[in-house]
Amino acid sequence: MTIAKAAQAVLQEAGQPMTVTAIYDEIIRRNLYQFGAKNPKSVLSQSIRNKSTANPKAKQPLFRLVSQGTYELA
């Protein structure tokens, strides 16, 4: 599973917008992805942002930026 797919699964189950920290905590709790980075929340944030409506280059965004650091499914 990719980082984006793990975040998508978490948001789908939550049914509401979540912060990157809350998404990260749930990914870890559910063991959906093993981060190997020194700053995994930053990696998660960048992955979500790259696949969000906040990125004009995203062809089919998975996420929508609701407010600073908070996303929902697109």
Protein backbone atom coordinates (compact mmCIF):
# COMPACT_ATOMS: atom_id res chain seq x y z
CA MET A 1 0.00 0.00 0.00
CA THR A 2 1.24 3.49 -0.81
CA ILE A 3 1.26 6.43 1.58
CA ALA A 4 -1.54 8.11 -0.38
CA LYS A 5 -3.68 4.96 -0.38
CA ALA A 6 -3.18 4.58 3.39
CA ALA A 7 -4.26 8.19 3.93
CA GLN A 8 -7.22 7.66 1.62
CA ALA A 9 -8.32 4.59 3.59
CA VAL A 10 -8.10 6.51 6.87
CA LEU A 11 -10.11 9.46 5.55
CA GLN A 12 -12.69 7.18 3.95
CA GLU A 13 -13.36 5.43 7.24
CA ALA A 14 -13.37 8.69 9.22
CA GLY A 15 -15.90 10.31 6.92
CA GLN A 16 -14.71 13.78 7.92
CA PRO A 17 -11.70 16.08 7.41
CA MET A 18 -8.58 15.24 9.41
CA THR A 19 -5.25 16.88 10.11
CA VAL A 20 -2.07 15.34 8.79
CA THR A 21 -1.09 14.45 12.37
CA ALA A 22 -4.40 12.64 12.96
CA ILE A 23 -4.07 10.81 9.63
CA TYR A 24 -0.51 9.81 10.50
CA ASP A 25 -1.51 8.57 13.97
CA GLU A 26 -4.28 6.44 12.47
CA ILE A 27 -2.01 5.01 9.76
CA ILE A 28 0.45 3.94 12.46
CA ARG A 29 -2.28 2.61 14.76
CA ARG A 30 -3.75 0.51 11.96
CA ASN A 31 -0.31 -0.49 10.64
CA LEU A 32 -1.22 0.58 7.11
CA TYR A 33 2.23 1.84 6.14
CA GLN A 34 5.74 1.62 7.60
CA PHE A 35 7.53 4.96 7.33
CA GLY A 36 11.30 4.81 7.10
CA ALA A 37 11.87 8.57 6.99
CA LYS A 38 13.33 10.70 9.78
CA ASN A 39 10.29 13.01 9.57
CA PRO A 40 7.39 10.78 8.50
CA LYS A 41 4.67 13.40 9.07
CA SER A 42 6.42 15.67 6.59
CA VAL A 43 6.58 12.84 4.04
CA LEU A 44 2.88 12.13 4.58
CA SER A 45 1.98 15.81 4.28
CA GLN A 46 3.89 16.14 1.01
CA SER A 47 2.36 12.96 -0.41
CA ILE A 48 -1.17 14.14 0.40
CA ARG A 49 -0.51 17.65 -0.92
CA ASN A 50 0.91 16.28 -4.19
CA LYS A 51 -2.33 14.37 -4.76
CA SER A 52 -4.68 17.15 -3.64
CA THR A 53 -6.64 19.99 -5.20
CA ALA A 54 -3.96 22.29 -3.73
CA ASN A 55 -1.57 21.00 -6.41
CA PRO A 56 -2.52 22.36 -9.85
CA LYS A 57 -0.53 19.52 -11.48
CA ALA A 58 -2.62 16.78 -9.82
CA LYS A 59 -4.62 15.21 -12.66
CA GLN A 60 -7.08 13.28 -10.51
CA PRO A 61 -6.81 14.61 -6.95
CA LEU A 62 -7.57 12.19 -4.13
CA PHE A 63 -7.69 14.87 -1.44
CA ARG A 64 -9.08 18.36 -0.94
CA LEU A 65 -7.35 20.92 1.29
CA VAL A 66 -9.94 22.14 3.81
CA SER A 67 -7.66 24.37 5.88
CA GLN A 68 -3.98 24.57 6.77
CA GLY A 69 -2.85 20.95 7.23
CA THR A 70 -6.38 19.53 7.15
CA TYR A 71 -7.69 17.39 4.29
CA GLU A 72 -10.75 15.46 3.21
CA LEU A 73 -11.40 13.13 0.30
CA ALA A 74 -11.89 14.88 -3.03
